């Protein structure tokens, strides 16, 4: 073989090696490209899962919030009507006091029956009377002081002397504070 042939063979081998290396690099690039596509898809999937979980949690919070609001609405649905009936209860109480003084016992019994029915109906809807008696300690959170008068004795200072108007609560909420006279 001549030098020229050797050189050609060497060049051919060299070119073949270069082609093999290029092919390998291309294959590695394809593998890397496939891996990068797989990684991209995994990232997209994790982002979609995260979006889904956040949306699901937000929906659950919405359901809880609306359920709580509905429960509170049912609890106080009749509050406006009940508050408007409180003066009627006061009038019944005054009427019963005056009828007790009269001789007509039948009318007294009839009015008293109506009063009891009205009170029981309102009680079944959650209305409760706030019990306040003379001599109880004044609490600004519960009672509404309409005036202060000198206490008849030292024991009555800061205590309730008289209850002018009864207080009522509907469930846990006070809808009318009892109006009281406080000793000072």
Protein backbone atom coordinates (compact mmCIF):
# COMPACT_ATOMS: atom_id res chain seq x y z
CA UNK A 1 0.00 0.00 0.00
CA UNK A 2 1.09 3.40 -0.78
CA UNK A 3 1.26 6.31 1.52
CA UNK A 4 -1.57 7.88 -0.30
CA UNK A 5 -3.79 4.88 0.29
CA UNK A 6 -2.81 4.81 3.95
CA UNK A 7 -3.65 8.43 4.27
CA UNK A 8 -7.01 7.85 2.64
CA UNK A 9 -7.71 4.93 4.93
CA UNK A 10 -6.72 7.00 7.92
CA UNK A 11 -8.93 9.83 6.78
CA UNK A 12 -11.78 7.42 6.17
CA UNK A 13 -11.38 5.92 9.64
CA UNK A 14 -11.12 9.35 11.12
CA UNK A 15 -14.27 10.47 9.34
CA UNK A 16 -16.06 7.36 10.48
CA UNK A 17 -15.00 8.00 14.08
CA UNK A 18 -16.16 11.58 13.77
CA UNK A 19 -19.47 10.41 12.31
CA UNK A 20 -19.87 7.92 15.17
CA UNK A 21 -19.13 10.66 17.74
CA UNK A 22 -21.58 13.01 16.06
CA UNK A 23 -24.19 10.27 16.03
CA UNK A 24 -23.60 9.57 19.71
CA UNK A 25 -23.81 13.27 20.53
CA UNK A 26 -27.04 13.51 18.56
CA UNK A 27 -28.46 10.51 20.41
CA UNK A 28 -27.43 12.03 23.76
CA UNK A 29 -29.05 15.30 22.67
CA UNK A 30 -32.23 13.46 21.82
CA UNK A 31 -32.13 11.70 25.16
CA UNK A 32 -31.47 14.98 26.91
CA UNK A 33 -34.26 16.57 24.88
CA UNK A 34 -36.62 13.72 25.83
CA UNK A 35 -35.60 14.11 29.48
CA UNK A 36 -36.16 17.81 29.30
CA UNK A 37 -39.61 17.27 27.74
CA UNK A 38 -40.40 14.75 30.45
CA UNK A 39 -39.24 17.22 33.09
CA UNK A 40 -41.35 19.96 31.50
CA UNK A 41 -44.38 17.68 31.51
CA UNK A 42 -43.76 16.75 35.14
CA UNK A 43 -43.50 20.42 36.07
CA UNK A 44 -46.72 21.18 34.23
CA UNK A 45 -48.43 18.26 35.94
CA UNK A 46 -47.27 19.39 39.38
CA UNK A 47 -48.47 22.95 38.63
CA UNK A 48 -51.88 21.62 37.56
CA UNK A 49 -52.10 19.46 40.68
CA UNK A 50 -51.26 22.49 42.81
CA UNK A 51 -53.92 24.57 41.03
CA UNK A 52 -56.46 21.80 41.55
CA UNK A 53 -55.66 21.46 45.26
CA UNK A 54 -55.89 25.21 45.80
CA UNK A 55 -59.18 25.40 43.93
CA UNK A 56 -60.54 22.45 45.89
CA UNK A 57 -59.49 24.01 49.21
CA UNK A 58 -61.03 27.33 48.19
CA UNK A 59 -64.29 25.58 47.32
CA UNK A 60 -64.32 23.73 50.66
CA UNK A 61 -63.81 27.04 52.49
CA UNK A 62 -66.64 28.57 50.48
CA UNK A 63 -68.97 25.69 51.42
CA UNK A 64 -68.09 26.03 55.10
CA UNK A 65 -68.53 29.81 55.05
CA UNK A 66 -71.91 29.70 53.32
CA UNK A 67 -73.09 26.89 55.61
CA UNK A 68 -72.12 28.95 58.67
CA UNK A 69 -73.85 32.04 57.25
CA UNK A 70 -77.02 30.03 56.60
CA UNK A 71 -77.01 28.66 60.15
CA UNK A 72 -76.64 32.18 61.57
CA UNK A 73 -79.40 33.41 59.29
CA UNK A 74 -81.76 30.68 60.52
CA UNK A 75 -80.89 31.47 64.14
CA UNK A 76 -81.80 35.12 63.80
CA UNK A 77 -84.27 34.95 60.91
CA UNK A 78 -87.17 36.07 63.05
CA UNK A 79 -85.19 38.58 65.11
CA UNK A 80 -86.77 41.61 63.46
CA UNK A 81 -90.29 40.28 64.04
CA UNK A 82 -89.52 39.28 67.62
CA UNK A 83 -87.98 42.68 68.40
CA UNK A 84 -91.10 44.38 67.06
CA UNK A 85 -93.25 42.19 69.38
CA UNK A 86 -91.36 43.15 72.55
CA UNK A 87 -93.46 46.30 73.14
CA UNK A 88 -96.58 44.11 72.84
CA UNK A 89 -95.19 41.89 75.63
CA UNK A 90 -94.62 45.01 77.75
CA UNK A 91 -98.19 46.17 77.09
CA UNK A 92 -99.55 42.75 78.05
CA UNK A 93 -97.65 42.91 81.33
CA UNK A 94 -99.06 46.38 82.10
CA UNK A 95 -102.58 45.28 81.14
CA UNK A 96 -102.38 42.23 83.40
CA UNK A 97 -101.26 44.41 86.32
CA UNK A 98 -104.25 46.71 85.79
CA UNK A 99 -106.73 43.87 85.24
CA UNK A 100 -105.56 42.19 88.44
CA UNK A 101 -106.90 45.27 90.27
CA UNK A 102 -110.36 44.99 88.67
CA UNK A 103 -113.24 42.73 89.67
CA UNK A 104 -113.60 41.10 86.25
CA UNK A 105 -111.72 37.83 86.81
CA UNK A 106 -112.86 36.25 83.52
CA UNK A 107 -111.31 39.02 81.42
CA UNK A 108 -108.13 38.74 83.54
CA UNK A 109 -107.92 34.98 82.85
CA UNK A 110 -108.50 35.48 79.10
CA UNK A 111 -105.79 38.14 78.77
CA UNK A 112 -103.45 36.05 80.89
CA UNK A 113 -103.98 33.00 78.62
CA UNK A 114 -103.20 35.07 75.53
CA UNK A 115 -100.10 36.47 77.24
CA UNK A 116 -98.89 32.98 78.17
CA UNK A 117 -99.44 31.69 74.61
CA UNK A 118 -97.53 34.62 73.12
CA UNK A 119 -94.63 34.21 75.56
CA UNK A 120 -94.45 30.44 75.00
CA UNK A 121 -94.49 30.88 71.22
CA UNK A 122 -91.68 33.42 71.38
CA UNK A 123 -89.78 31.21 73.83
CA UNK A 124 -89.99 28.31 71.36
CA UNK A 125 -88.35 30.61 68.77
CA UNK A 126 -85.42 31.25 71.14
CA UNK A 127 -86.51 34.37 73.05
CA UNK A 128 -85.38 34.42 76.67
CA UNK A 129 -85.99 36.97 79.42
CA UNK A 130 -82.85 38.32 81.06
CA UNK A 131 -83.46 37.91 84.76
CA UNK A 132 -82.60 41.13 86.59
CA UNK A 133 -83.67 41.85 90.15
CA UNK A 134 -83.20 44.83 92.46
CA UNK A 135 -80.02 44.31 94.46
CA UNK A 136 -78.10 42.65 91.58
CA UNK A 137 -74.70 44.10 90.75
CA UNK A 138 -74.78 46.47 87.76
CA UNK A 139 -72.96 45.12 84.68
CA UNK A 140 -72.52 47.59 81.82
CA UNK A 141 -72.20 44.70 79.34
CA UNK A 142 -75.70 43.47 80.13
CA UNK A 143 -77.66 46.32 81.72
CA UNK A 144 -78.54 49.76 80.41
CA UNK A 145 -78.52 52.36 83.18
CA UNK A 146 -81.13 55.01 82.48
CA UNK A 147 -80.43 56.99 85.64
CA UNK A 148 -78.54 56.97 88.92
CA UNK A 149 -80.08 57.86 92.25
CA UNK A 150 -78.61 58.09 95.73
CA UNK A 151 -78.49 54.60 97.22
CA UNK A 152 -80.89 54.05 100.15
CA UNK A 153 -78.02 52.40 102.06
CA UNK A 154 -74.31 51.68 101.55
CA UNK A 155 -74.99 48.08 100.45
CA UNK A 156 -76.90 49.29 97.36
CA UNK A 157 -74.08 51.45 95.90
CA UNK A 158 -73.28 50.24 92.39
CA UNK A 159 -76.24 47.88 92.46
CA UNK A 160 -79.59 47.88 90.70
CA UNK A 161 -82.30 49.76 92.59
CA UNK A 162 -85.17 49.26 90.13
CA UNK A 163 -85.86 47.51 86.80
CA UNK A 164 -87.76 49.85 84.46
CA UNK A 165 -87.90 47.59 81.40
CA UNK A 166 -87.10 43.88 81.02
CA UNK A 167 -84.31 42.71 78.78
CA UNK A 168 -84.44 39.88 76.26
CA UNK A 169 -81.99 37.69 74.42
CA UNK A 170 -82.42 35.67 71.27
CA UNK A 171 -80.09 32.71 71.42
CA UNK A 172 -76.74 34.07 72.62
CA UNK A 173 -77.38 37.62 71.44
CA UNK A 174 -78.97 40.29 73.62
CA UNK A 175 -81.66 42.00 71.52
CA UNK A 176 -82.85 44.40 74.24
CA UNK A 177 -80.82 45.33 77.30
CA UNK A 178 -82.74 45.63 80.58
CA UNK A 179 -83.19 49.28 81.55
CA UNK A 180 -82.32 49.79 85.19
CA UNK A 181 -81.89 52.46 87.87
CA UNK A 182 -78.52 52.26 89.63
CA UNK A 183 -77.64 53.45 93.12
CA UNK A 184 -74.61 55.71 93.58
